[in-house]
Amino acid sequence: MSILSWILFGLIAGAVAKLILPGKDPGGIIVTIGIGVVGGLLGGWLGSSFFGGGGISGFNLASFGWAVLGSLILLLLYRLVFHKSRG
């Protein structure tokens, strides 16, 4: 799957990650989009690393799941870093 596909998945995955982990995050929609895009790329990399080139391909539920997982990981890390720097 191409990087452009993972960016597109990431846009949607960022919104889904925000629905799964609601809460007040600084930065609003711009940060959520950024986390989603980078999370989609992270999820694509993780999926490809675990399953090789043939494991993740095309727009399917498994690929979307990896994108959401990557977005959730980044959202959690973002909250941990922001929470520590805030206190």
N, C-alpha and C. Protein backbone atom coordinates (compact mmCIF):
# COMPACT_ATOMS: atom_id res chain seq x y z
N MET A 1 0.84 -1.17 0.00
CA MET A 1 0.00 0.00 0.00
C MET A 1 0.90 1.24 0.00
N SER A 2 0.53 2.24 -0.74
CA SER A 2 1.39 3.41 -0.87
C SER A 2 1.27 4.34 0.33
N ILE A 3 2.23 5.22 0.45
CA ILE A 3 2.23 6.20 1.53
C ILE A 3 1.00 7.10 1.44
N LEU A 4 0.60 7.45 0.23
CA LEU A 4 -0.58 8.29 0.06
C LEU A 4 -1.84 7.62 0.62
N SER A 5 -1.94 6.33 0.44
CA SER A 5 -3.07 5.58 0.99
C SER A 5 -3.06 5.61 2.51
N TRP A 6 -1.87 5.48 3.10
CA TRP A 6 -1.77 5.50 4.55
C TRP A 6 -2.09 6.89 5.10
N ILE A 7 -1.77 7.94 4.35
CA ILE A 7 -2.13 9.29 4.78
C ILE A 7 -3.65 9.45 4.77
N LEU A 8 -4.29 8.96 3.71
CA LEU A 8 -5.74 9.02 3.64
C LEU A 8 -6.37 8.21 4.76
N PHE A 9 -5.87 7.01 4.98
CA PHE A 9 -6.35 6.19 6.10
C PHE A 9 -6.13 6.93 7.42
N GLY A 10 -5.00 7.59 7.53
CA GLY A 10 -4.65 8.30 8.76
C GLY A 10 -5.61 9.42 9.09
N LEU A 11 -6.10 10.11 8.09
CA LEU A 11 -7.08 11.17 8.33
C LEU A 11 -8.33 10.62 9.02
N ILE A 12 -8.79 9.50 8.53
CA ILE A 12 -9.98 8.87 9.10
C ILE A 12 -9.64 8.20 10.43
N ALA A 13 -8.47 7.56 10.49
CA ALA A 13 -8.06 6.86 11.71
C ALA A 13 -7.87 7.82 12.87
N GLY A 14 -7.41 9.03 12.61
CA GLY A 14 -7.26 10.03 13.67
C GLY A 14 -8.59 10.38 14.30
N ALA A 15 -9.62 10.51 13.48
CA ALA A 15 -10.96 10.79 13.99
C ALA A 15 -11.48 9.61 14.80
N VAL A 16 -11.25 8.40 14.33
CA VAL A 16 -11.71 7.20 15.05
C VAL A 16 -10.96 7.08 16.38
N ALA A 17 -9.65 7.34 16.37
CA ALA A 17 -8.87 7.27 17.60
C ALA A 17 -9.39 8.29 18.62
N LYS A 18 -9.76 9.46 18.14
CA LYS A 18 -10.30 10.50 19.03
C LYS A 18 -11.66 10.06 19.59
N LEU A 19 -12.45 9.35 18.81
CA LEU A 19 -13.72 8.82 19.31
C LEU A 19 -13.50 7.74 20.37
N ILE A 20 -12.47 6.92 20.18
CA ILE A 20 -12.16 5.85 21.12
C ILE A 20 -11.60 6.42 22.42
N LEU A 21 -10.75 7.44 22.30
CA LEU A 21 -10.13 8.08 23.46
C LEU A 21 -10.54 9.55 23.53
N PRO A 22 -11.78 9.82 23.91
CA PRO A 22 -12.22 11.22 23.95
C PRO A 22 -11.53 11.96 25.09
N GLY A 23 -11.53 13.25 24.99
CA GLY A 23 -10.94 14.08 26.03
C GLY A 23 -10.45 15.38 25.43
N LYS A 24 -10.07 16.28 26.32
CA LYS A 24 -9.57 17.58 25.86
C LYS A 24 -8.10 17.44 25.51
N ASP A 25 -7.79 17.71 24.28
CA ASP A 25 -6.41 17.71 23.82
C ASP A 25 -6.09 19.08 23.26
N PRO A 26 -4.91 19.60 23.57
CA PRO A 26 -4.55 20.90 23.00
C PRO A 26 -4.30 20.78 21.51
N GLY A 27 -4.55 21.81 20.78
CA GLY A 27 -4.29 21.81 19.35
C GLY A 27 -5.52 21.59 18.51
N GLY A 28 -6.55 20.99 19.07
CA GLY A 28 -7.80 20.81 18.36
C GLY A 28 -7.69 19.91 17.14
N ILE A 29 -8.42 20.30 16.11
CA ILE A 29 -8.56 19.47 14.91
C ILE A 29 -7.24 19.32 14.15
N ILE A 30 -6.41 20.34 14.16
CA ILE A 30 -5.14 20.28 13.43
C ILE A 30 -4.23 19.21 14.02
N VAL A 31 -4.12 19.18 15.34
CA VAL A 31 -3.28 18.17 16.00
C VAL A 31 -3.88 16.79 15.79
N THR A 32 -5.20 16.67 15.86
CA THR A 32 -5.85 15.37 15.64
C THR A 32 -5.57 14.86 14.24
N ILE A 33 -5.64 15.74 13.25
CA ILE A 33 -5.34 15.34 11.87
C ILE A 33 -3.88 14.91 11.76
N GLY A 34 -2.99 15.69 12.35
CA GLY A 34 -1.56 15.34 12.31
C GLY A 34 -1.27 14.01 12.97
N ILE A 35 -1.87 13.79 14.14
CA ILE A 35 -1.69 12.51 14.83
C ILE A 35 -2.26 11.37 13.99
N GLY A 36 -3.39 11.62 13.35
CA GLY A 36 -4.00 10.59 12.50
C GLY A 36 -3.13 10.23 11.31
N VAL A 37 -2.59 11.25 10.64
CA VAL A 37 -1.75 11.00 9.46
C VAL A 37 -0.48 10.26 9.86
N VAL A 38 0.21 10.76 10.88
CA VAL A 38 1.44 10.10 11.31
C VAL A 38 1.12 8.72 11.90
N GLY A 39 0.00 8.61 12.60
CA GLY A 39 -0.41 7.32 13.14
C GLY A 39 -0.74 6.32 12.04
N GLY A 40 -1.35 6.81 10.96
CA GLY A 40 -1.62 5.93 9.82
C GLY A 40 -0.33 5.41 9.20
N LEU A 41 0.65 6.29 9.10
CA LEU A 41 1.96 5.87 8.58
C LEU A 41 2.63 4.88 9.54
N LEU A 42 2.54 5.17 10.85
CA LEU A 42 3.10 4.25 11.85
C LEU A 42 2.40 2.90 11.78
N GLY A 43 1.07 2.92 11.68
CA GLY A 43 0.33 1.66 11.57
C GLY A 43 0.70 0.88 10.33
N GLY A 44 0.88 1.58 9.21
CA GLY A 44 1.31 0.91 7.98
C GLY A 44 2.67 0.28 8.13
N TRP A 45 3.56 0.99 8.78
CA TRP A 45 4.91 0.46 9.00
C TRP A 45 4.86 -0.75 9.93
N LEU A 46 4.09 -0.65 11.03
CA LEU A 46 3.98 -1.78 11.95
C LEU A 46 3.38 -3.00 11.26
N GLY A 47 2.30 -2.79 10.50
CA GLY A 47 1.66 -3.90 9.81
C GLY A 47 2.58 -4.55 8.79
N SER A 48 3.30 -3.72 8.05
CA SER A 48 4.24 -4.26 7.06
C SER A 48 5.40 -4.98 7.74
N SER A 49 5.84 -4.47 8.88
CA SER A 49 6.94 -5.10 9.61
C SER A 49 6.53 -6.47 10.14
N PHE A 50 5.30 -6.57 10.65
CA PHE A 50 4.85 -7.83 11.23
C PHE A 50 4.42 -8.84 10.17
N PHE A 51 3.86 -8.36 9.08
CA PHE A 51 3.31 -9.27 8.08
C PHE A 51 4.01 -9.22 6.73
N GLY A 52 5.06 -8.46 6.62
CA GLY A 52 5.79 -8.36 5.36
C GLY A 52 5.00 -7.59 4.32
N GLY A 53 5.47 -7.61 3.10
CA GLY A 53 4.84 -6.86 2.02
C GLY A 53 3.45 -7.35 1.67
N GLY A 54 3.18 -8.63 1.81
CA GLY A 54 1.89 -9.18 1.39
C GLY A 54 0.81 -9.14 2.46
N GLY A 55 1.16 -8.80 3.69
CA GLY A 55 0.18 -8.85 4.76
C GLY A 55 -0.78 -7.68 4.78
N ILE A 56 -0.33 -6.50 4.40
CA ILE A 56 -1.16 -5.30 4.44
C ILE A 56 -1.20 -4.74 3.03
N SER A 57 -2.39 -4.76 2.44
CA SER A 57 -2.50 -4.22 1.09
C SER A 57 -3.91 -3.75 0.83
N GLY A 58 -4.02 -2.65 0.14
CA GLY A 58 -5.32 -2.15 -0.26
C GLY A 58 -6.12 -1.54 0.88
N PHE A 59 -7.28 -1.06 0.52
CA PHE A 59 -8.20 -0.48 1.49
C PHE A 59 -9.08 -1.60 2.02
N ASN A 60 -8.71 -2.13 3.16
CA ASN A 60 -9.49 -3.19 3.77
C ASN A 60 -9.53 -2.99 5.28
N LEU A 61 -10.28 -3.80 5.96
CA LEU A 61 -10.48 -3.64 7.39
C LEU A 61 -9.18 -3.83 8.17
N ALA A 62 -8.36 -4.78 7.77
CA ALA A 62 -7.10 -5.01 8.48
C ALA A 62 -6.18 -3.79 8.36
N SER A 63 -6.08 -3.22 7.17
CA SER A 63 -5.25 -2.05 6.98
C SER A 63 -5.77 -0.87 7.80
N PHE A 64 -7.08 -0.70 7.81
CA PHE A 64 -7.67 0.37 8.59
C PHE A 64 -7.42 0.15 10.08
N GLY A 65 -7.49 -1.08 10.51
CA GLY A 65 -7.20 -1.41 11.91
C GLY A 65 -5.79 -1.03 12.30
N TRP A 66 -4.82 -1.29 11.42
CA TRP A 66 -3.44 -0.89 11.69
C TRP A 66 -3.29 0.62 11.77
N ALA A 67 -4.00 1.32 10.90
CA ALA A 67 -3.94 2.79 10.92
C ALA A 67 -4.53 3.33 12.22
N VAL A 68 -5.64 2.77 12.66
CA VAL A 68 -6.26 3.20 13.92
C VAL A 68 -5.33 2.87 15.09
N LEU A 69 -4.73 1.69 15.08
CA LEU A 69 -3.80 1.31 16.14
C LEU A 69 -2.63 2.28 16.22
N GLY A 70 -2.05 2.63 15.08
CA GLY A 70 -0.96 3.60 15.06
C GLY A 70 -1.41 4.95 15.60
N SER A 71 -2.62 5.38 15.25
CA SER A 71 -3.14 6.65 15.74
C SER A 71 -3.39 6.62 17.25
N LEU A 72 -3.90 5.50 17.74
CA LEU A 72 -4.12 5.37 19.18
C LEU A 72 -2.80 5.42 19.95
N ILE A 73 -1.79 4.75 19.43
CA ILE A 73 -0.47 4.77 20.07
C ILE A 73 0.05 6.20 20.15
N LEU A 74 -0.02 6.92 19.04
CA LEU A 74 0.48 8.29 19.04
C LEU A 74 -0.35 9.21 19.92
N LEU A 75 -1.66 9.02 19.94
CA LEU A 75 -2.51 9.85 20.79
C LEU A 75 -2.18 9.63 22.26
N LEU A 76 -1.98 8.38 22.65
CA LEU A 76 -1.59 8.09 24.03
C LEU A 76 -0.24 8.69 24.37
N LEU A 77 0.72 8.55 23.47
CA LEU A 77 2.05 9.15 23.71
C LEU A 77 1.96 10.66 23.80
N TYR A 78 1.16 11.26 22.94
CA TYR A 78 0.98 12.71 22.95
C TYR A 78 0.40 13.17 24.28
N ARG A 79 -0.58 12.44 24.78
CA ARG A 79 -1.18 12.79 26.06
C ARG A 79 -0.21 12.61 27.20
N LEU A 80 0.61 11.56 27.16
CA LEU A 80 1.60 11.36 28.22
C LEU A 80 2.62 12.48 28.24
N VAL A 81 3.11 12.87 27.08
CA VAL A 81 4.11 13.94 26.99
C VAL A 81 3.49 15.26 27.41
N PHE A 82 2.29 15.56 26.93
CA PHE A 82 1.65 16.84 27.26
C PHE A 82 1.33 16.89 28.74
N HIS A 83 0.85 15.80 29.32
CA HIS A 83 0.49 15.79 30.72
C HIS A 83 1.72 16.04 31.60
N LYS A 84 2.84 15.43 31.25
CA LYS A 84 4.07 15.61 32.03
C LYS A 84 4.60 17.03 31.89
N SER A 85 4.53 17.60 30.69
CA SER A 85 5.07 18.95 30.51
C SER A 85 4.16 20.00 31.13
N ARG A 86 2.91 19.65 31.34
CA ARG A 86 1.95 20.59 31.91
C ARG A 86 2.13 20.76 33.42
N GLY A 87 2.54 19.67 34.09
CA GLY A 87 2.64 19.72 35.54
C GLY A 87 3.93 20.16 36.03
